[in-house]
Amino acid sequence: MPDNDHGEHLTFAFALSGGAVPRVGCIEVVCGSMFSGKTEELLRRVKRARLAKQRAVIFKPKIDNRYDEVKVVTHEGFGADSIPVSSASELLERVPPDTAVVGIDEVQFFGEEVVAVAEKLADRGVRVICAGLDQDYRGVPFGPVPRLMAVAEYVTKLHAVCTRCGAQASRSQRLVAAEGQLFVGGAAAYEARCRRCFVPGVAVEP
């Protein structure tokens, strides 16, 4: 049986019916701190959709070129082909016909417009899987993610392991002095931390 904490059953039901029933769209949000496995979970869900012969496509923001210019890549090095785009409106324009599943990685970087785009796709019958940070380096809700969580049918919040004490981590600690929310970095620039060990802003202590 498909997992029941996201919309997989909707596209499976459509496939099993041979298209005899209308395809029901939905929005799924996979969120959490850095290093919590958000991209890995996105790729897992897309892989299962493709195994079920559903047409699926993944998008990523062009700003995120940490590991690859085109592929979506986890911190552990697992990757999949994606379409890098500069905006949510470009994403909408580039969704191929007959697409059943759209994955959006690092959704926090797309701005508020991505909420309307996700809803438009879901209204068309597309299963939209959004993965992104729910909080920024200050511990403040990040961009469009809170609104996406509000309109989504399914929300999964993942946790990392605090690098300081080993507890469940829900926050992303910035380690380098950089201005603004939209600073893309990896393990050298961020740590996962729990509420107790988190320092809002930039932590420069060893």
N, C-alpha and C. Protein backbone atom coordinates (compact mmCIF):
# COMPACT_ATOMS: atom_id res chain seq x y z
N MET A 1 0.84 -1.19 0.00
CA MET A 1 0.00 0.00 0.00
C MET A 1 0.88 1.24 0.00
N PRO A 2 0.48 2.29 -0.73
CA PRO A 2 1.25 3.52 -0.69
C PRO A 2 1.22 4.14 0.70
N ASP A 3 2.27 4.90 1.03
CA ASP A 3 2.29 5.62 2.29
C ASP A 3 1.10 6.57 2.33
N ASN A 4 0.56 6.79 3.53
CA ASN A 4 -0.64 7.62 3.63
C ASN A 4 -0.37 9.01 4.18
N ASP A 5 0.93 9.41 4.27
CA ASP A 5 1.23 10.73 4.78
C ASP A 5 1.49 11.73 3.66
N HIS A 6 1.20 11.35 2.43
CA HIS A 6 1.32 12.27 1.31
C HIS A 6 0.36 11.84 0.21
N GLY A 7 0.44 12.47 -0.94
CA GLY A 7 -0.58 12.28 -1.97
C GLY A 7 -0.32 11.16 -2.96
N GLU A 8 0.56 10.23 -2.62
CA GLU A 8 0.91 9.17 -3.56
C GLU A 8 -0.32 8.35 -3.98
N HIS A 9 -1.22 8.15 -3.05
CA HIS A 9 -2.39 7.30 -3.34
C HIS A 9 -3.28 7.92 -4.42
N LEU A 10 -3.23 9.25 -4.57
CA LEU A 10 -4.08 9.89 -5.57
C LEU A 10 -3.65 9.54 -6.99
N THR A 11 -2.34 9.63 -7.25
CA THR A 11 -1.86 9.31 -8.58
C THR A 11 -1.86 7.80 -8.83
N PHE A 12 -1.67 7.01 -7.77
CA PHE A 12 -1.77 5.56 -7.93
C PHE A 12 -3.20 5.17 -8.30
N ALA A 13 -4.18 5.78 -7.66
CA ALA A 13 -5.57 5.46 -7.95
C ALA A 13 -5.92 5.81 -9.39
N PHE A 14 -5.40 6.93 -9.87
CA PHE A 14 -5.64 7.34 -11.25
C PHE A 14 -5.01 6.32 -12.21
N ALA A 15 -3.78 5.90 -11.91
CA ALA A 15 -3.10 4.94 -12.78
C ALA A 15 -3.82 3.61 -12.79
N LEU A 16 -4.25 3.14 -11.62
CA LEU A 16 -4.90 1.84 -11.52
C LEU A 16 -6.26 1.83 -12.22
N SER A 17 -6.88 3.01 -12.30
CA SER A 17 -8.18 3.08 -12.97
C SER A 17 -8.04 3.19 -14.48
N GLY A 18 -6.78 3.27 -14.96
CA GLY A 18 -6.56 3.44 -16.39
C GLY A 18 -7.03 4.80 -16.89
N GLY A 19 -7.07 5.77 -15.99
CA GLY A 19 -7.52 7.10 -16.37
C GLY A 19 -9.02 7.25 -16.42
N ALA A 20 -9.75 6.26 -15.89
CA ALA A 20 -11.21 6.29 -15.96
C ALA A 20 -11.81 7.32 -15.00
N VAL A 21 -11.05 7.67 -13.96
CA VAL A 21 -11.52 8.70 -13.03
C VAL A 21 -10.64 9.93 -13.18
N PRO A 22 -11.16 11.12 -12.92
CA PRO A 22 -10.35 12.34 -13.04
C PRO A 22 -9.16 12.29 -12.08
N ARG A 23 -8.03 12.76 -12.55
CA ARG A 23 -6.85 12.80 -11.69
C ARG A 23 -7.00 13.94 -10.69
N VAL A 24 -6.80 13.63 -9.42
CA VAL A 24 -6.92 14.62 -8.36
C VAL A 24 -5.53 15.15 -8.01
N GLY A 25 -5.38 16.46 -8.07
CA GLY A 25 -4.11 17.06 -7.73
C GLY A 25 -4.00 17.34 -6.24
N CYS A 26 -2.79 17.62 -5.79
CA CYS A 26 -2.56 17.97 -4.39
C CYS A 26 -1.22 18.65 -4.26
N ILE A 27 -1.01 19.27 -3.11
CA ILE A 27 0.28 19.87 -2.77
C ILE A 27 0.83 19.16 -1.54
N GLU A 28 2.07 18.76 -1.62
CA GLU A 28 2.78 18.15 -0.50
C GLU A 28 3.97 19.03 -0.16
N VAL A 29 4.22 19.24 1.11
CA VAL A 29 5.37 20.01 1.55
C VAL A 29 6.25 19.12 2.42
N VAL A 30 7.52 19.03 2.04
CA VAL A 30 8.53 18.34 2.85
C VAL A 30 9.48 19.42 3.35
N CYS A 31 9.47 19.67 4.66
CA CYS A 31 10.24 20.79 5.18
C CYS A 31 11.06 20.36 6.38
N GLY A 32 11.92 21.28 6.83
CA GLY A 32 12.78 21.02 7.97
C GLY A 32 14.06 21.82 7.85
N SER A 33 15.00 21.55 8.74
CA SER A 33 16.28 22.25 8.71
C SER A 33 17.18 21.68 7.63
N MET A 34 18.32 22.31 7.46
CA MET A 34 19.33 21.73 6.57
C MET A 34 19.79 20.39 7.14
N PHE A 35 20.17 19.49 6.24
CA PHE A 35 20.69 18.17 6.58
C PHE A 35 19.64 17.25 7.20
N SER A 36 18.36 17.56 6.97
CA SER A 36 17.29 16.71 7.52
C SER A 36 16.77 15.70 6.51
N GLY A 37 17.27 15.73 5.27
CA GLY A 37 16.86 14.73 4.28
C GLY A 37 15.70 15.14 3.40
N LYS A 38 15.47 16.44 3.26
CA LYS A 38 14.33 16.93 2.46
C LYS A 38 14.46 16.55 0.99
N THR A 39 15.62 16.82 0.41
CA THR A 39 15.83 16.49 -1.01
C THR A 39 15.80 14.99 -1.22
N GLU A 40 16.37 14.25 -0.30
CA GLU A 40 16.35 12.78 -0.39
C GLU A 40 14.91 12.27 -0.41
N GLU A 41 14.05 12.84 0.43
CA GLU A 41 12.64 12.43 0.46
C GLU A 41 11.92 12.83 -0.82
N LEU A 42 12.22 14.00 -1.32
CA LEU A 42 11.65 14.42 -2.60
C LEU A 42 12.01 13.44 -3.71
N LEU A 43 13.28 13.08 -3.79
CA LEU A 43 13.74 12.15 -4.82
C LEU A 43 13.11 10.77 -4.64
N ARG A 44 12.93 10.34 -3.40
CA ARG A 44 12.30 9.04 -3.14
C ARG A 44 10.87 9.02 -3.68
N ARG A 45 10.11 10.08 -3.41
CA ARG A 45 8.72 10.13 -3.87
C ARG A 45 8.64 10.19 -5.39
N VAL A 46 9.53 10.97 -6.01
CA VAL A 46 9.53 11.06 -7.47
C VAL A 46 9.92 9.72 -8.09
N LYS A 47 10.90 9.04 -7.49
CA LYS A 47 11.31 7.74 -8.00
C LYS A 47 10.16 6.74 -7.97
N ARG A 48 9.37 6.73 -6.89
CA ARG A 48 8.23 5.83 -6.79
C ARG A 48 7.17 6.17 -7.83
N ALA A 49 6.97 7.45 -8.08
CA ALA A 49 6.01 7.85 -9.11
C ALA A 49 6.45 7.34 -10.48
N ARG A 50 7.73 7.46 -10.76
CA ARG A 50 8.23 7.00 -12.06
C ARG A 50 8.16 5.49 -12.19
N LEU A 51 8.39 4.79 -11.09
CA LEU A 51 8.24 3.34 -11.12
C LEU A 51 6.80 2.94 -11.43
N ALA A 52 5.86 3.81 -11.07
CA ALA A 52 4.45 3.56 -11.35
C ALA A 52 4.04 4.10 -12.72
N LYS A 53 5.05 4.42 -13.56
CA LYS A 53 4.82 4.87 -14.94
C LYS A 53 4.13 6.23 -15.01
N GLN A 54 4.35 7.06 -13.99
CA GLN A 54 3.79 8.40 -14.00
C GLN A 54 4.87 9.38 -14.49
N ARG A 55 4.45 10.31 -15.32
CA ARG A 55 5.40 11.29 -15.82
C ARG A 55 5.70 12.31 -14.71
N ALA A 56 6.97 12.40 -14.34
CA ALA A 56 7.37 13.29 -13.25
C ALA A 56 8.55 14.14 -13.69
N VAL A 57 8.56 15.37 -13.23
CA VAL A 57 9.65 16.29 -13.56
C VAL A 57 10.02 17.06 -12.30
N ILE A 58 11.32 17.33 -12.15
CA ILE A 58 11.82 18.04 -10.98
C ILE A 58 12.38 19.39 -11.41
N PHE A 59 12.08 20.42 -10.62
CA PHE A 59 12.62 21.76 -10.86
C PHE A 59 13.48 22.18 -9.67
N LYS A 60 14.47 23.02 -9.96
CA LYS A 60 15.30 23.59 -8.91
C LYS A 60 15.57 25.05 -9.26
N PRO A 61 15.84 25.91 -8.26
CA PRO A 61 16.18 27.31 -8.56
C PRO A 61 17.59 27.41 -9.12
N LYS A 62 17.77 28.25 -10.11
CA LYS A 62 19.10 28.41 -10.70
C LYS A 62 20.13 28.86 -9.69
N ILE A 63 19.68 29.57 -8.66
CA ILE A 63 20.60 30.08 -7.65
C ILE A 63 21.31 28.96 -6.90
N ASP A 64 20.71 27.77 -6.87
CA ASP A 64 21.30 26.65 -6.13
C ASP A 64 22.16 25.81 -7.06
N ASN A 65 23.43 26.19 -7.16
CA ASN A 65 24.37 25.43 -7.99
C ASN A 65 25.52 24.87 -7.16
N ARG A 66 25.23 24.57 -5.88
CA ARG A 66 26.28 24.10 -4.97
C ARG A 66 26.96 22.84 -5.46
N TYR A 67 26.17 21.86 -5.89
CA TYR A 67 26.73 20.55 -6.24
C TYR A 67 26.68 20.28 -7.74
N ASP A 68 25.74 20.91 -8.44
CA ASP A 68 25.60 20.67 -9.88
C ASP A 68 24.74 21.79 -10.46
N GLU A 69 25.05 22.17 -11.70
CA GLU A 69 24.29 23.24 -12.35
C GLU A 69 22.87 22.79 -12.72
N VAL A 70 22.71 21.50 -13.00
CA VAL A 70 21.43 21.00 -13.51
C VAL A 70 20.77 20.01 -12.56
N LYS A 71 21.53 19.07 -12.05
CA LYS A 71 20.94 18.02 -11.22
C LYS A 71 20.52 18.54 -9.84
N VAL A 72 19.51 17.92 -9.27
CA VAL A 72 19.19 18.06 -7.85
C VAL A 72 20.05 17.03 -7.13
N VAL A 73 20.84 17.48 -6.16
CA VAL A 73 21.79 16.60 -5.49
C VAL A 73 21.64 16.75 -3.98
N THR A 74 21.59 15.61 -3.27
CA THR A 74 21.51 15.65 -1.81
C THR A 74 22.90 15.93 -1.25
N HIS A 75 22.97 16.24 0.05
CA HIS A 75 24.26 16.47 0.70
C HIS A 75 25.12 15.22 0.70
N GLU A 76 24.48 14.05 0.55
CA GLU A 76 25.23 12.79 0.51
C GLU A 76 25.71 12.44 -0.89
N GLY A 77 25.31 13.23 -1.88
CA GLY A 77 25.79 13.03 -3.23
C GLY A 77 24.85 12.30 -4.17
N PHE A 78 23.64 11.94 -3.71
CA PHE A 78 22.66 11.31 -4.58
C PHE A 78 21.98 12.38 -5.41
N GLY A 79 21.76 12.11 -6.70
CA GLY A 79 21.20 13.15 -7.56
C GLY A 79 20.22 12.63 -8.58
N ALA A 80 19.54 13.58 -9.22
CA ALA A 80 18.60 13.28 -10.29
C ALA A 80 18.52 14.49 -11.20
N ASP A 81 18.21 14.24 -12.46
CA ASP A 81 18.08 15.32 -13.42
C ASP A 81 16.95 16.25 -13.03
N SER A 82 17.16 17.54 -13.28
CA SER A 82 16.13 18.52 -12.98
C SER A 82 16.21 19.64 -14.01
N ILE A 83 15.24 20.55 -13.92
CA ILE A 83 15.22 21.72 -14.79
C ILE A 83 15.46 22.95 -13.92
N PRO A 84 16.62 23.61 -14.07
CA PRO A 84 16.85 24.83 -13.29
C PRO A 84 16.07 26.01 -13.88
N VAL A 85 15.38 26.75 -13.04
CA VAL A 85 14.58 27.89 -13.50
C VAL A 85 14.85 29.09 -12.60
N SER A 86 14.56 30.27 -13.15
CA SER A 86 14.84 31.51 -12.44
C SER A 86 13.65 32.02 -11.62
N SER A 87 12.46 31.54 -11.92
CA SER A 87 11.27 32.03 -11.24
C SER A 87 10.18 30.98 -11.25
N ALA A 88 9.16 31.21 -10.41
CA ALA A 88 8.03 30.30 -10.37
C ALA A 88 7.23 30.36 -11.65
N SER A 89 7.13 31.53 -12.27
CA SER A 89 6.38 31.65 -13.53
C SER A 89 7.07 30.87 -14.64
N GLU A 90 8.40 30.90 -14.66
CA GLU A 90 9.13 30.09 -15.65
C GLU A 90 8.91 28.61 -15.41
N LEU A 91 8.87 28.22 -14.15
CA LEU A 91 8.59 26.82 -13.80
C LEU A 91 7.26 26.39 -14.39
N LEU A 92 6.24 27.21 -14.19
CA LEU A 92 4.90 26.86 -14.69
C LEU A 92 4.90 26.69 -16.20
N GLU A 93 5.61 27.56 -16.90
CA GLU A 93 5.66 27.51 -18.36
C GLU A 93 6.37 26.26 -18.87
N ARG A 94 7.26 25.69 -18.05
CA ARG A 94 8.09 24.58 -18.52
C ARG A 94 7.61 23.20 -18.05
N VAL A 95 6.44 23.15 -17.45
CA VAL A 95 5.88 21.85 -17.07
C VAL A 95 5.36 21.17 -18.33
N PRO A 96 5.91 20.01 -18.71
CA PRO A 96 5.47 19.34 -19.94
C PRO A 96 4.01 18.88 -19.86
N PRO A 97 3.35 18.76 -21.01
CA PRO A 97 1.98 18.22 -21.02
C PRO A 97 1.95 16.81 -20.43
N ASP A 98 0.81 16.45 -19.86
CA ASP A 98 0.59 15.11 -19.30
C ASP A 98 1.49 14.80 -18.10
N THR A 99 2.04 15.82 -17.49
CA THR A 99 2.84 15.61 -16.28
C THR A 99 1.93 15.27 -15.11
N ALA A 100 2.26 14.19 -14.41
CA ALA A 100 1.46 13.77 -13.26
C ALA A 100 2.02 14.29 -11.94
N VAL A 101 3.36 14.42 -11.88
CA VAL A 101 4.02 14.80 -10.64
C VAL A 101 5.07 15.87 -10.93
N VAL A 102 5.03 16.95 -10.18
CA VAL A 102 6.04 18.00 -10.26
C VAL A 102 6.74 18.10 -8.91
N GLY A 103 8.06 17.94 -8.92
CA GLY A 103 8.86 18.13 -7.71
C GLY A 103 9.55 19.48 -7.76
N ILE A 104 9.55 20.20 -6.66
CA ILE A 104 10.21 21.50 -6.57
C ILE A 104 11.17 21.46 -5.39
N ASP A 105 12.46 21.51 -5.68
CA ASP A 105 13.46 21.48 -4.61
C ASP A 105 13.85 22.90 -4.23
N GLU A 106 14.27 23.08 -2.97
CA GLU A 106 14.66 24.41 -2.44
C GLU A 106 13.57 25.43 -2.74
N VAL A 107 12.34 25.07 -2.43
CA VAL A 107 11.19 25.90 -2.80
C VAL A 107 11.22 27.27 -2.13
N GLN A 108 11.94 27.39 -1.02
CA GLN A 108 11.99 28.67 -0.30
C GLN A 108 12.62 29.78 -1.14
N PHE A 109 13.40 29.41 -2.16
CA PHE A 109 14.08 30.42 -2.97
C PHE A 109 13.22 30.97 -4.10
N PHE A 110 12.01 30.46 -4.28
CA PHE A 110 11.18 30.89 -5.41
C PHE A 110 10.28 32.09 -5.09
N GLY A 111 10.17 32.49 -3.85
CA GLY A 111 9.34 33.63 -3.52
C GLY A 111 7.87 33.27 -3.41
N GLU A 112 7.07 34.26 -3.03
CA GLU A 112 5.65 34.03 -2.75
C GLU A 112 4.87 33.56 -3.99
N GLU A 113 5.35 33.90 -5.18
CA GLU A 113 4.66 33.52 -6.41
C GLU A 113 4.50 32.01 -6.55
N VAL A 114 5.39 31.25 -5.93
CA VAL A 114 5.36 29.81 -6.10
C VAL A 114 4.11 29.20 -5.47
N VAL A 115 3.50 29.88 -4.50
CA VAL A 115 2.28 29.36 -3.87
C VAL A 115 1.16 29.29 -4.90
N ALA A 116 0.96 30.38 -5.63
CA ALA A 116 -0.08 30.41 -6.67
C ALA A 116 0.21 29.41 -7.77
N VAL A 117 1.49 29.26 -8.12
CA VAL A 117 1.86 28.30 -9.16
C VAL A 117 1.56 26.88 -8.71
N ALA A 118 1.92 26.54 -7.48
CA ALA A 118 1.64 25.20 -6.96
C ALA A 118 0.14 24.92 -6.93
N GLU A 119 -0.64 25.91 -6.53
CA GLU A 119 -2.09 25.72 -6.50
C GLU A 119 -2.66 25.56 -7.91
N LYS A 120 -2.14 26.31 -8.85
CA LYS A 120 -2.62 26.19 -10.24
C LYS A 120 -2.33 24.79 -10.78
N LEU A 121 -1.14 24.28 -10.51
CA LEU A 121 -0.80 22.92 -10.97
C LEU A 121 -1.68 21.88 -10.29
N ALA A 122 -1.88 22.02 -8.97
CA ALA A 122 -2.72 21.06 -8.26
C ALA A 122 -4.15 21.09 -8.78
N ASP A 123 -4.65 22.28 -9.10
CA ASP A 123 -6.00 22.40 -9.66
C ASP A 123 -6.12 21.70 -11.01
N ARG A 124 -5.00 21.57 -11.71
CA ARG A 124 -4.98 20.85 -13.00
C ARG A 124 -4.95 19.34 -12.82
N GLY A 125 -4.77 18.88 -11.57
CA GLY A 125 -4.67 17.45 -11.32
C GLY A 125 -3.26 16.96 -11.13
N VAL A 126 -2.30 17.88 -10.94
CA VAL A 126 -0.90 17.50 -10.76
C VAL A 126 -0.60 17.34 -9.27
N ARG A 127 0.16 16.32 -8.95
CA ARG A 127 0.68 16.15 -7.60
C ARG A 127 1.96 16.99 -7.49
N VAL A 128 1.96 17.99 -6.63
CA VAL A 128 3.09 18.91 -6.51
C VAL A 128 3.81 18.64 -5.19
N ILE A 129 5.08 18.28 -5.27
CA ILE A 129 5.88 17.95 -4.09
C ILE A 129 6.92 19.06 -3.91
N CYS A 130 6.78 19.83 -2.83
CA CYS A 130 7.68 20.96 -2.56
C CYS A 130 8.59 20.61 -1.40
N ALA A 131 9.89 20.76 -1.58
CA ALA A 131 10.85 20.51 -0.51
C ALA A 131 11.63 21.78 -0.22
N GLY A 132 11.73 22.15 1.06
CA GLY A 132 12.46 23.36 1.38
C GLY A 132 12.59 23.62 2.86
N LEU A 133 13.36 24.64 3.17
CA LEU A 133 13.57 25.07 4.55
C LEU A 133 12.33 25.79 5.08
N ASP A 134 11.91 25.45 6.27
CA ASP A 134 10.79 26.17 6.87
C ASP A 134 11.24 27.37 7.70
N GLN A 135 12.54 27.40 8.08
CA GLN A 135 13.10 28.52 8.84
C GLN A 135 14.43 28.94 8.22
N ASP A 136 14.74 30.24 8.34
CA ASP A 136 16.03 30.71 7.85
C ASP A 136 17.06 30.69 8.98
N TYR A 137 18.21 31.30 8.76
CA TYR A 137 19.31 31.24 9.72
C TYR A 137 19.02 32.03 11.00
N ARG A 138 17.96 32.83 10.98
CA ARG A 138 17.55 33.57 12.19
C ARG A 138 16.48 32.82 12.98
N GLY A 139 16.02 31.69 12.44
CA GLY A 139 14.92 30.97 13.07
C GLY A 139 13.58 31.55 12.71
N VAL A 140 13.53 32.32 11.62
CA VAL A 140 12.31 32.99 11.17
C VAL A 140 11.70 32.19 10.01
N PRO A 141 10.36 32.06 9.93
CA PRO A 141 9.74 31.36 8.81
C PRO A 141 10.29 31.87 7.47
N PHE A 142 10.58 30.93 6.58
CA PHE A 142 11.34 31.23 5.37
C PHE A 142 10.42 31.39 4.15
N GLY A 143 10.34 32.62 3.64
CA GLY A 143 9.69 32.90 2.36
C GLY A 143 8.29 32.33 2.24
N PRO A 144 8.03 31.60 1.14
CA PRO A 144 6.69 31.10 0.86
C PRO A 144 6.33 29.81 1.58
N VAL A 145 7.27 29.21 2.30
CA VAL A 145 7.03 27.88 2.87
C VAL A 145 5.86 27.87 3.87
N PRO A 146 5.73 28.86 4.77
CA PRO A 146 4.56 28.83 5.67
C PRO A 146 3.23 28.84 4.92
N ARG A 147 3.10 29.63 3.86
CA ARG A 147 1.86 29.66 3.09
C ARG A 147 1.64 28.35 2.35
N LEU A 148 2.70 27.77 1.84
CA LEU A 148 2.58 26.47 1.18
C LEU A 148 2.09 25.41 2.17
N MET A 149 2.63 25.45 3.38
CA MET A 149 2.19 24.49 4.40
C MET A 149 0.71 24.68 4.72
N ALA A 150 0.25 25.93 4.67
CA ALA A 150 -1.15 26.20 5.00
C ALA A 150 -2.11 25.68 3.94
N VAL A 151 -1.71 25.75 2.67
CA VAL A 151 -2.63 25.34 1.59
C VAL A 151 -2.41 23.89 1.17
N ALA A 152 -1.35 23.25 1.67
CA ALA A 152 -1.02 21.88 1.27
C ALA A 152 -1.99 20.87 1.88
N GLU A 153 -2.22 19.80 1.14
CA GLU A 153 -2.97 18.67 1.70
C GLU A 153 -2.12 17.84 2.65
N TYR A 154 -0.82 17.80 2.41
CA TYR A 154 0.08 16.93 3.18
C TYR A 154 1.34 17.71 3.54
N VAL A 155 1.74 17.66 4.80
CA VAL A 155 2.96 18.31 5.28
C VAL A 155 3.79 17.30 6.06
N THR A 156 5.05 17.17 5.69
CA THR A 156 5.98 16.30 6.41
C THR A 156 7.13 17.15 6.91
N LYS A 157 7.33 17.18 8.22
CA LYS A 157 8.45 17.93 8.80
C LYS A 157 9.53 16.95 9.24
N LEU A 158 10.71 17.10 8.67
CA LEU A 158 11.84 16.22 8.97
C LEU A 158 12.80 16.91 9.93
N HIS A 159 13.58 16.10 10.63
CA HIS A 159 14.56 16.64 11.57
C HIS A 159 15.94 16.08 11.26
N ALA A 160 16.95 16.90 11.54
CA ALA A 160 18.33 16.46 11.43
C ALA A 160 18.83 16.10 12.83
N VAL A 161 20.14 15.94 12.96
CA VAL A 161 20.76 15.67 14.26
C VAL A 161 21.61 16.88 14.63
N CYS A 162 21.41 17.40 15.82
CA CYS A 162 22.17 18.56 16.26
C CYS A 162 23.65 18.24 16.31
N THR A 163 24.45 19.07 15.66
CA THR A 163 25.90 18.82 15.61
C THR A 163 26.57 19.08 16.95
N ARG A 164 25.88 19.78 17.85
CA ARG A 164 26.47 20.11 19.15
C ARG A 164 26.15 19.08 20.23
N CYS A 165 24.90 18.62 20.30
CA CYS A 165 24.52 17.75 21.42
C CYS A 165 23.89 16.43 21.00
N GLY A 166 23.58 16.27 19.72
CA GLY A 166 23.01 15.02 19.24
C GLY A 166 21.51 14.91 19.36
N ALA A 167 20.85 15.96 19.82
CA ALA A 167 19.38 15.95 19.90
C ALA A 167 18.77 16.15 18.52
N GLN A 168 17.44 16.05 18.45
CA GLN A 168 16.77 16.35 17.18
C GLN A 168 16.98 17.81 16.82
N ALA A 169 17.39 18.06 15.59
CA ALA A 169 17.66 19.43 15.14
C ALA A 169 16.54 19.91 14.24
N SER A 170 16.07 21.13 14.49
CA SER A 170 15.02 21.72 13.68
C SER A 170 15.41 23.06 13.10
N ARG A 171 16.66 23.46 13.32
CA ARG A 171 17.10 24.78 12.88
C ARG A 171 18.43 24.70 12.12
N SER A 172 18.66 25.71 11.26
CA SER A 172 19.86 25.75 10.44
C SER A 172 20.76 26.88 10.94
N GLN A 173 21.91 26.50 11.48
CA GLN A 173 22.83 27.49 12.04
C GLN A 173 23.81 27.97 10.99
N ARG A 174 23.78 29.26 10.68
CA ARG A 174 24.75 29.81 9.73
C ARG A 174 26.07 30.04 10.45
N LEU A 175 27.17 29.69 9.78
CA LEU A 175 28.50 29.76 10.39
C LEU A 175 29.39 30.83 9.75
N VAL A 176 28.95 31.41 8.67
CA VAL A 176 29.77 32.40 7.97
C VAL A 176 29.01 33.72 7.89
N ALA A 177 29.76 34.80 7.89
CA ALA A 177 29.15 36.12 7.82
C ALA A 177 28.72 36.42 6.39
N ALA A 178 27.43 36.37 6.14
CA ALA A 178 26.87 36.66 4.82
C ALA A 178 25.54 37.36 5.04
N GLU A 179 25.24 38.31 4.18
CA GLU A 179 24.04 39.11 4.33
C GLU A 179 22.83 38.44 3.70
N GLY A 180 21.68 38.54 4.35
CA GLY A 180 20.40 38.16 3.76
C GLY A 180 20.05 36.69 3.86
N GLN A 181 18.76 36.42 3.59
CA GLN A 181 18.24 35.05 3.62
C GLN A 181 18.82 34.19 2.52
N LEU A 182 18.98 34.76 1.33
CA LEU A 182 19.25 33.96 0.14
C LEU A 182 20.74 33.69 -0.03
N PHE A 183 21.32 33.07 0.98
CA PHE A 183 22.71 32.65 0.90
C PHE A 183 22.74 31.13 0.83
N VAL A 184 23.20 30.61 -0.29
CA VAL A 184 23.21 29.17 -0.51
C VAL A 184 24.54 28.60 -0.06
N GLY A 185 24.51 27.61 0.80
CA GLY A 185 25.75 27.02 1.28
C GLY A 185 25.55 25.58 1.71
N GLY A 186 26.66 24.91 1.95
CA GLY A 186 26.62 23.51 2.36
C GLY A 186 27.15 23.34 3.77
N ALA A 187 27.85 22.23 4.00
CA ALA A 187 28.30 21.88 5.34
C ALA A 187 29.32 22.86 5.90
N ALA A 188 30.05 23.56 5.04
CA ALA A 188 31.03 24.52 5.52
C ALA A 188 30.38 25.81 6.02
N ALA A 189 29.15 26.06 5.59
CA ALA A 189 28.47 27.31 5.92
C ALA A 189 27.34 27.15 6.93
N TYR A 190 26.85 25.93 7.12
CA TYR A 190 25.70 25.71 7.99
C TYR A 190 25.88 24.45 8.84
N GLU A 191 25.23 24.45 9.99
CA GLU A 191 25.10 23.27 10.82
C GLU A 191 23.63 23.09 11.18
N ALA A 192 23.25 21.84 11.43
CA ALA A 192 21.92 21.57 11.99
C ALA A 192 22.03 21.65 13.50
N ARG A 193 21.08 22.37 14.13
CA ARG A 193 21.11 22.50 15.58
C ARG A 193 19.71 22.40 16.17
N CYS A 194 19.65 22.00 17.44
CA CYS A 194 18.39 21.95 18.16
C CYS A 194 18.07 23.34 18.70
N ARG A 195 16.90 23.48 19.29
CA ARG A 195 16.48 24.76 19.85
C ARG A 195 17.46 25.28 20.90
N ARG A 196 17.96 24.40 21.74
CA ARG A 196 18.84 24.82 22.84
C ARG A 196 20.20 25.31 22.36
N CYS A 197 20.72 24.66 21.30
CA CYS A 197 22.07 24.99 20.82
C CYS A 197 22.07 26.07 19.72
N PHE A 198 20.89 26.40 19.23
CA PHE A 198 20.79 27.35 18.11
C PHE A 198 21.05 28.78 18.58
N VAL A 199 21.84 29.52 17.78
CA VAL A 199 22.08 30.93 18.01
C VAL A 199 21.48 31.69 16.85
N PRO A 200 20.41 32.47 17.06
CA PRO A 200 19.79 33.21 15.94
C PRO A 200 20.81 34.11 15.25
N GLY A 201 20.87 34.02 13.93
CA GLY A 201 21.83 34.81 13.18
C GLY A 201 23.05 33.97 12.82
N VAL A 202 24.23 34.56 12.96
CA VAL A 202 25.48 33.89 12.59
C VAL A 202 26.24 33.52 13.85
N ALA A 203 26.62 32.27 13.97
CA ALA A 203 27.42 31.79 15.09
C ALA A 203 28.85 31.60 14.62
N VAL A 204 29.79 32.30 15.23
CA VAL A 204 31.19 32.21 14.77
C VAL A 204 32.07 31.52 15.79
N GLU A 205 31.46 31.08 16.89
CA GLU A 205 32.28 30.42 17.90
C GLU A 205 32.74 29.07 17.38
N PRO A 206 33.89 28.55 17.82
CA PRO A 206 34.41 27.26 17.36
C PRO A 206 33.53 26.11 17.82
